[in-house]
Each structure stands twice: as C-alpha cells, then as structure tokens.
Amino acid sequence: ETTGGSSVRKQELVKELQRNSVTFDVRK
C-alpha cells in the first residue's frame, strides 16, 4: 500500500495518516 503502482496516490494516504497523527507501522 506504500510502494509500486501509483506511488503518488499511495504516498498521499501515508501523508494523510501522518497529518492526522496516526501511529502506524508499514510491514508485509
């Protein structure tokens, strides 16, 4: 959900989570 494909769209989701101060962890 953070790499490959439409990377711009996927990074948008990650940036929104960061803006919302959500504690998250990227893993397989």
PDB file of all heavy atoms in Angstrom:
ATOM      1  N   GLU A   1       0.812  -1.212   0.000  1.00  0.00           N
ATOM      2  CA  GLU A   1       0.000   0.000   0.000  1.00  0.00           C
ATOM      3  C   GLU A   1       0.848   1.266   0.000  1.00  0.00           C
ATOM      4  O   GLU A   1       0.318   2.380  -0.077  1.00  0.00           O
ATOM      5  CB  GLU A   1      -0.929   0.018   1.225  1.00  0.00           C
ATOM      6  CG  GLU A   1      -2.080  -0.960   1.128  1.00  0.00           C
ATOM      7  CD  GLU A   1      -3.023  -0.628  -0.023  1.00  0.00           C
ATOM      8  OE1 GLU A   1      -3.528   0.509  -0.067  1.00  0.00           O
ATOM      9  OE2 GLU A   1      -3.230  -1.501  -0.888  1.00  0.00           O
ATOM     10  N   THR A   2       2.170   1.112   0.077  1.00  0.00           N
ATOM     11  CA  THR A   2       3.061   2.280   0.098  1.00  0.00           C
ATOM     12  C   THR A   2       4.069   2.283  -1.041  1.00  0.00           C
ATOM     13  O   THR A   2       4.723   3.290  -1.288  1.00  0.00           O
ATOM     14  CB  THR A   2       3.845   2.337   1.429  1.00  0.00           C
ATOM     15  OG1 THR A   2       4.686   1.174   1.533  1.00  0.00           O
ATOM     16  CG2 THR A   2       2.897   2.378   2.610  1.00  0.00           C
ATOM     17  N   THR A   3       4.219   1.152  -1.754  1.00  0.00           N
ATOM     18  CA  THR A   3       5.198   1.056  -2.836  1.00  0.00           C
ATOM     19  C   THR A   3       4.564   0.473  -4.078  1.00  0.00           C
ATOM     20  O   THR A   3       3.559  -0.227  -4.013  1.00  0.00           O
ATOM     21  CB  THR A   3       6.388   0.162  -2.429  1.00  0.00           C
ATOM     22  OG1 THR A   3       5.901  -1.152  -2.107  1.00  0.00           O
ATOM     23  CG2 THR A   3       7.118   0.734  -1.239  1.00  0.00           C
ATOM     24  N   GLY A   4       5.168   0.729  -5.244  1.00  0.00           N
ATOM     25  CA  GLY A   4       4.702   0.165  -6.510  1.00  0.00           C
ATOM     26  C   GLY A   4       3.420   0.814  -6.982  1.00  0.00           C
ATOM     27  O   GLY A   4       2.767   1.581  -6.278  1.00  0.00           O
ATOM     28  N   GLY A   5       3.027   0.507  -8.220  1.00  0.00           N
ATOM     29  CA  GLY A   5       1.780   1.033  -8.777  1.00  0.00           C
ATOM     30  C   GLY A   5       1.792   2.547  -8.810  1.00  0.00           C
ATOM     31  O   GLY A   5       2.789   3.173  -9.156  1.00  0.00           O
ATOM     32  N   SER A   6       0.664   3.151  -8.451  1.00  0.00           N
ATOM     33  CA  SER A   6       0.555   4.607  -8.419  1.00  0.00           C
ATOM     34  C   SER A   6       1.162   5.118  -7.107  1.00  0.00           C
ATOM     35  O   SER A   6       0.459   5.314  -6.111  1.00  0.00           O
ATOM     36  CB  SER A   6      -0.915   5.035  -8.526  1.00  0.00           C
ATOM     37  OG  SER A   6      -1.021   6.436  -8.445  1.00  0.00           O
ATOM     38  N   SER A   7       2.481   5.321  -7.101  1.00  0.00           N
ATOM     39  CA  SER A   7       3.178   5.678  -5.870  1.00  0.00           C
ATOM     40  C   SER A   7       2.720   7.024  -5.319  1.00  0.00           C
ATOM     41  O   SER A   7       2.711   7.235  -4.102  1.00  0.00           O
ATOM     42  CB  SER A   7       4.692   5.700  -6.109  1.00  0.00           C
ATOM     43  OG  SER A   7       5.012   6.597  -7.154  1.00  0.00           O
ATOM     44  N   VAL A   8       2.330   7.952  -6.216  1.00  0.00           N
ATOM     45  CA  VAL A   8       1.851   9.261  -5.762  1.00  0.00           C
ATOM     46  C   VAL A   8       0.592   9.103  -4.926  1.00  0.00           C
ATOM     47  O   VAL A   8       0.454   9.673  -3.847  1.00  0.00           O
ATOM     48  CB  VAL A   8       1.582  10.194  -6.966  1.00  0.00           C
ATOM     49  CG1 VAL A   8       0.954  11.504  -6.485  1.00  0.00           C
ATOM     50  CG2 VAL A   8       2.873  10.467  -7.729  1.00  0.00           C
ATOM     51  N   ARG A   9      -0.362   8.290  -5.434  1.00  0.00           N
ATOM     52  CA  ARG A   9      -1.617   8.055  -4.709  1.00  0.00           C
ATOM     53  C   ARG A   9      -1.354   7.357  -3.380  1.00  0.00           C
ATOM     54  O   ARG A   9      -1.965   7.678  -2.360  1.00  0.00           O
ATOM     55  CB  ARG A   9      -2.565   7.215  -5.567  1.00  0.00           C
ATOM     56  CG  ARG A   9      -3.838   6.798  -4.864  1.00  0.00           C
ATOM     57  CD  ARG A   9      -4.770   6.060  -5.807  1.00  0.00           C
ATOM     58  NE  ARG A   9      -4.186   4.855  -6.350  1.00  0.00           N
ATOM     59  CZ  ARG A   9      -4.198   3.681  -5.724  1.00  0.00           C
ATOM     60  NH1 ARG A   9      -4.744   3.571  -4.524  1.00  0.00           N
ATOM     61  NH2 ARG A   9      -3.677   2.617  -6.285  1.00  0.00           N
ATOM     62  N   LYS A  10      -0.429   6.371  -3.399  1.00  0.00           N
ATOM     63  CA  LYS A  10      -0.151   5.621  -2.180  1.00  0.00           C
ATOM     64  C   LYS A  10       0.542   6.495  -1.141  1.00  0.00           C
ATOM     65  O   LYS A  10       0.268   6.379   0.063  1.00  0.00           O
ATOM     66  CB  LYS A  10       0.683   4.387  -2.517  1.00  0.00           C
ATOM     67  CG  LYS A  10      -0.097   3.351  -3.325  1.00  0.00           C
ATOM     68  CD  LYS A  10       0.711   2.111  -3.624  1.00  0.00           C
ATOM     69  CE  LYS A  10      -0.145   1.076  -4.362  1.00  0.00           C
ATOM     70  NZ  LYS A  10       0.587  -0.173  -4.653  1.00  0.00           N
ATOM     71  N   GLN A  11       1.442   7.366  -1.575  1.00  0.00           N
ATOM     72  CA  GLN A  11       2.104   8.258  -0.632  1.00  0.00           C
ATOM     73  C   GLN A  11       1.129   9.282  -0.065  1.00  0.00           C
ATOM     74  O   GLN A  11       1.289   9.754   1.054  1.00  0.00           O
ATOM     75  CB  GLN A  11       3.280   8.964  -1.322  1.00  0.00           C
ATOM     76  CG  GLN A  11       4.472   8.056  -1.571  1.00  0.00           C
ATOM     77  CD  GLN A  11       4.970   7.369  -0.303  1.00  0.00           C
ATOM     78  OE1 GLN A  11       5.139   7.998   0.736  1.00  0.00           O
ATOM     79  NE2 GLN A  11       5.170   6.062  -0.380  1.00  0.00           N
ATOM     80  N   GLU A  12       0.086   9.608  -0.851  1.00  0.00           N
ATOM     81  CA  GLU A  12      -0.929  10.542  -0.370  1.00  0.00           C
ATOM     82  C   GLU A  12      -1.613   9.987   0.869  1.00  0.00           C
ATOM     83  O   GLU A  12      -1.850  10.710   1.846  1.00  0.00           O
ATOM     84  CB  GLU A  12      -1.967  10.807  -1.466  1.00  0.00           C
ATOM     85  CG  GLU A  12      -3.060  11.780  -1.045  1.00  0.00           C
ATOM     86  CD  GLU A  12      -4.160  11.943  -2.087  1.00  0.00           C
ATOM     87  OE1 GLU A  12      -4.018  11.372  -3.196  1.00  0.00           O
ATOM     88  OE2 GLU A  12      -5.149  12.627  -1.790  1.00  0.00           O
ATOM     89  N   LEU A  13      -1.922   8.692   0.857  1.00  0.00           N
ATOM     90  CA  LEU A  13      -2.576   8.074   2.012  1.00  0.00           C
ATOM     91  C   LEU A  13      -1.657   8.117   3.228  1.00  0.00           C
ATOM     92  O   LEU A  13      -2.091   8.460   4.336  1.00  0.00           O
ATOM     93  CB  LEU A  13      -2.971   6.630   1.682  1.00  0.00           C
ATOM     94  CG  LEU A  13      -3.743   5.910   2.797  1.00  0.00           C
ATOM     95  CD1 LEU A  13      -4.912   5.119   2.224  1.00  0.00           C
ATOM     96  CD2 LEU A  13      -2.825   4.978   3.574  1.00  0.00           C
ATOM     97  N   VAL A  14      -0.383   7.783   3.032  1.00  0.00           N
ATOM     98  CA  VAL A  14       0.576   7.796   4.137  1.00  0.00           C
ATOM     99  C   VAL A  14       0.718   9.199   4.713  1.00  0.00           C
ATOM    100  O   VAL A  14       0.738   9.395   5.940  1.00  0.00           O
ATOM    101  CB  VAL A  14       1.948   7.266   3.659  1.00  0.00           C
ATOM    102  CG1 VAL A  14       3.017   7.502   4.721  1.00  0.00           C
ATOM    103  CG2 VAL A  14       1.859   5.779   3.327  1.00  0.00           C
ATOM    104  N   LYS A  15       0.807  10.205   3.832  1.00  0.00           N
ATOM    105  CA  LYS A  15       0.947  11.584   4.290  1.00  0.00           C
ATOM    106  C   LYS A  15      -0.281  12.045   5.074  1.00  0.00           C
ATOM    107  O   LYS A  15      -0.164  12.780   6.062  1.00  0.00           O
ATOM    108  CB  LYS A  15       1.195  12.506   3.094  1.00  0.00           C
ATOM    109  CG  LYS A  15       2.576  12.338   2.472  1.00  0.00           C
ATOM    110  CD  LYS A  15       2.749  13.223   1.251  1.00  0.00           C
ATOM    111  CE  LYS A  15       4.129  13.026   0.625  1.00  0.00           C
ATOM    112  NZ  LYS A  15       4.288  13.838  -0.616  1.00  0.00           N
ATOM    113  N   GLU A  16      -1.460  11.601   4.638  1.00  0.00           N
ATOM    114  CA  GLU A  16      -2.689  11.956   5.356  1.00  0.00           C
ATOM    115  C   GLU A  16      -2.697  11.336   6.750  1.00  0.00           C
ATOM    116  O   GLU A  16      -3.109  11.975   7.723  1.00  0.00           O
ATOM    117  CB  GLU A  16      -3.914  11.504   4.562  1.00  0.00           C
ATOM    118  CG  GLU A  16      -4.272  12.390   3.390  1.00  0.00           C
ATOM    119  CD  GLU A  16      -4.703  13.789   3.818  1.00  0.00           C
ATOM    120  OE1 GLU A  16      -5.394  13.924   4.844  1.00  0.00           O
ATOM    121  OE2 GLU A  16      -4.316  14.753   3.129  1.00  0.00           O
ATOM    122  N   LEU A  17      -2.243  10.087   6.857  1.00  0.00           N
ATOM    123  CA  LEU A  17      -2.165   9.441   8.172  1.00  0.00           C
ATOM    124  C   LEU A  17      -1.197  10.194   9.069  1.00  0.00           C
ATOM    125  O   LEU A  17      -1.458  10.378  10.273  1.00  0.00           O
ATOM    126  CB  LEU A  17      -1.721   7.982   8.012  1.00  0.00           C
ATOM    127  CG  LEU A  17      -2.723   7.024   7.356  1.00  0.00           C
ATOM    128  CD1 LEU A  17      -2.087   5.647   7.147  1.00  0.00           C
ATOM    129  CD2 LEU A  17      -3.989   6.882   8.199  1.00  0.00           C
ATOM    130  N   GLN A  18      -0.081  10.650   8.507  1.00  0.00           N
ATOM    131  CA  GLN A  18       0.892  11.411   9.287  1.00  0.00           C
ATOM    132  C   GLN A  18       0.303  12.750   9.735  1.00  0.00           C
ATOM    133  O   GLN A  18       0.492  13.165  10.882  1.00  0.00           O
ATOM    134  CB  GLN A  18       2.164  11.631   8.465  1.00  0.00           C
ATOM    135  CG  GLN A  18       2.952  10.345   8.233  1.00  0.00           C
ATOM    136  CD  GLN A  18       4.076  10.507   7.220  1.00  0.00           C
ATOM    137  OE1 GLN A  18       4.050  11.417   6.391  1.00  0.00           O
ATOM    138  NE2 GLN A  18       5.060   9.621   7.283  1.00  0.00           N
ATOM    139  N   ARG A  19      -0.438  13.410   8.831  1.00  0.00           N
ATOM    140  CA  ARG A  19      -1.077  14.679   9.193  1.00  0.00           C
ATOM    141  C   ARG A  19      -2.080  14.493  10.323  1.00  0.00           C
ATOM    142  O   ARG A  19      -2.267  15.378  11.161  1.00  0.00           O
ATOM    143  CB  ARG A  19      -1.789  15.272   7.974  1.00  0.00           C
ATOM    144  CG  ARG A  19      -0.872  15.847   6.913  1.00  0.00           C
ATOM    145  CD  ARG A  19      -1.656  16.653   5.890  1.00  0.00           C
ATOM    146  NE  ARG A  19      -0.874  16.908   4.692  1.00  0.00           N
ATOM    147  CZ  ARG A  19      -1.006  16.253   3.542  1.00  0.00           C
ATOM    148  NH1 ARG A  19      -1.928  15.313   3.417  1.00  0.00           N
ATOM    149  NH2 ARG A  19      -0.248  16.555   2.506  1.00  0.00           N
ATOM    150  N   ASN A  20      -2.737  13.334  10.320  1.00  0.00           N
ATOM    151  CA  ASN A  20      -3.746  13.048  11.337  1.00  0.00           C
ATOM    152  C   ASN A  20      -3.143  12.498  12.633  1.00  0.00           C
ATOM    153  O   ASN A  20      -3.875  12.110  13.542  1.00  0.00           O
ATOM    154  CB  ASN A  20      -4.770  12.046  10.789  1.00  0.00           C
ATOM    155  CG  ASN A  20      -5.553  12.611   9.617  1.00  0.00           C
ATOM    156  OD1 ASN A  20      -5.600  13.823   9.406  1.00  0.00           O
ATOM    157  ND2 ASN A  20      -6.179  11.723   8.844  1.00  0.00           N
ATOM    158  N   SER A  21      -1.798  12.438  12.679  1.00  0.00           N
ATOM    159  CA  SER A  21      -1.075  11.951  13.881  1.00  0.00           C
ATOM    160  C   SER A  21      -1.448  10.526  14.247  1.00  0.00           C
ATOM    161  O   SER A  21      -1.568  10.182  15.432  1.00  0.00           O
ATOM    162  CB  SER A  21      -1.334  12.897  15.071  1.00  0.00           C
ATOM    163  OG  SER A  21      -0.916  14.221  14.766  1.00  0.00           O
ATOM    164  N   VAL A  22      -1.636   9.679  13.220  1.00  0.00           N
ATOM    165  CA  VAL A  22      -1.954   8.266  13.443  1.00  0.00           C
ATOM    166  C   VAL A  22      -0.656   7.476  13.591  1.00  0.00           C
ATOM    167  O   VAL A  22       0.238   7.579  12.741  1.00  0.00           O
ATOM    168  CB  VAL A  22      -2.780   7.689  12.274  1.00  0.00           C
ATOM    169  CG1 VAL A  22      -2.987   6.182  12.451  1.00  0.00           C
ATOM    170  CG2 VAL A  22      -4.122   8.401  12.179  1.00  0.00           C
ATOM    171  N   THR A  23      -0.551   6.708  14.661  1.00  0.00           N
ATOM    172  CA  THR A  23       0.601   5.825  14.836  1.00  0.00           C
ATOM    173  C   THR A  23       0.406   4.606  13.945  1.00  0.00           C
ATOM    174  O   THR A  23      -0.546   3.841  14.121  1.00  0.00           O
ATOM    175  CB  THR A  23       0.727   5.379  16.305  1.00  0.00           C
ATOM    176  OG1 THR A  23       0.851   6.529  17.143  1.00  0.00           O
ATOM    177  CG2 THR A  23       1.940   4.480  16.496  1.00  0.00           C
ATOM    178  N   PHE A  24       1.297   4.446  12.963  1.00  0.00           N
ATOM    179  CA  PHE A  24       1.156   3.292  12.060  1.00  0.00           C
ATOM    180  C   PHE A  24       2.522   2.687  11.769  1.00  0.00           C
ATOM    181  O   PHE A  24       3.564   3.306  11.954  1.00  0.00           O
ATOM    182  CB  PHE A  24       0.450   3.686  10.759  1.00  0.00           C
ATOM    183  CG  PHE A  24       1.217   4.620   9.868  1.00  0.00           C
ATOM    184  CD1 PHE A  24       2.044   4.132   8.858  1.00  0.00           C
ATOM    185  CD2 PHE A  24       1.117   5.993  10.031  1.00  0.00           C
ATOM    186  CE1 PHE A  24       2.744   4.995   8.037  1.00  0.00           C
ATOM    187  CE2 PHE A  24       1.814   6.874   9.209  1.00  0.00           C
ATOM    188  CZ  PHE A  24       2.635   6.371   8.204  1.00  0.00           C
ATOM    189  N   ASP A  25       2.490   1.438  11.315  1.00  0.00           N
ATOM    190  CA  ASP A  25       3.710   0.691  11.033  1.00  0.00           C
ATOM    191  C   ASP A  25       3.542   0.020   9.681  1.00  0.00           C
ATOM    192  O   ASP A  25       2.527  -0.655   9.441  1.00  0.00           O
ATOM    193  CB  ASP A  25       3.942  -0.354  12.131  1.00  0.00           C
ATOM    194  CG  ASP A  25       5.246  -1.104  11.940  1.00  0.00           C
ATOM    195  OD1 ASP A  25       6.253  -0.444  11.651  1.00  0.00           O
ATOM    196  OD2 ASP A  25       5.243  -2.339  12.066  1.00  0.00           O
ATOM    197  N   VAL A  26       4.499   0.194   8.776  1.00  0.00           N
ATOM    198  CA  VAL A  26       4.444  -0.439   7.461  1.00  0.00           C
ATOM    199  C   VAL A  26       5.158  -1.781   7.535  1.00  0.00           C
ATOM    200  O   VAL A  26       6.310  -1.859   7.975  1.00  0.00           O
ATOM    201  CB  VAL A  26       5.110   0.461   6.388  1.00  0.00           C
ATOM    202  CG1 VAL A  26       5.105  -0.240   5.031  1.00  0.00           C
ATOM    203  CG2 VAL A  26       4.390   1.798   6.291  1.00  0.00           C
ATOM    204  N   ARG A  27       4.455  -2.842   7.139  1.00  0.00           N
ATOM    205  CA  ARG A  27       5.034  -4.189   7.180  1.00  0.00           C
ATOM    206  C   ARG A  27       4.360  -5.068   6.140  1.00  0.00           C
ATOM    207  O   ARG A  27       3.342  -4.691   5.562  1.00  0.00           O
ATOM    208  CB  ARG A  27       4.865  -4.799   8.571  1.00  0.00           C
ATOM    209  CG  ARG A  27       3.416  -4.975   8.995  1.00  0.00           C
ATOM    210  CD  ARG A  27       3.280  -5.623  10.363  1.00  0.00           C
ATOM    211  NE  ARG A  27       3.661  -4.736  11.441  1.00  0.00           N
ATOM    212  CZ  ARG A  27       3.595  -5.062  12.731  1.00  0.00           C
ATOM    213  NH1 ARG A  27       3.162  -6.264  13.078  1.00  0.00           N
ATOM    214  NH2 ARG A  27       3.940  -4.202  13.668  1.00  0.00           N
ATOM    215  N   LYS A  28       4.918  -6.245   5.915  1.00  0.00           N
ATOM    216  CA  LYS A  28       4.333  -7.192   4.972  1.00  0.00           C
ATOM    217  C   LYS A  28       3.171  -7.917   5.640  1.00  0.00           C
ATOM    218  O   LYS A  28       3.342  -8.619   6.640  1.00  0.00           O
ATOM    219  CB  LYS A  28       5.392  -8.208   4.519  1.00  0.00           C
ATOM    220  CG  LYS A  28       4.852  -9.345   3.652  1.00  0.00           C
ATOM    221  CD  LYS A  28       4.250  -8.848   2.354  1.00  0.00           C
ATOM    222  CE  LYS A  28       3.762 -10.006   1.494  1.00  0.00           C
ATOM    223  NZ  LYS A  28       3.036  -9.530   0.283  1.00  0.00           N
TER     224      LYS A  28
END
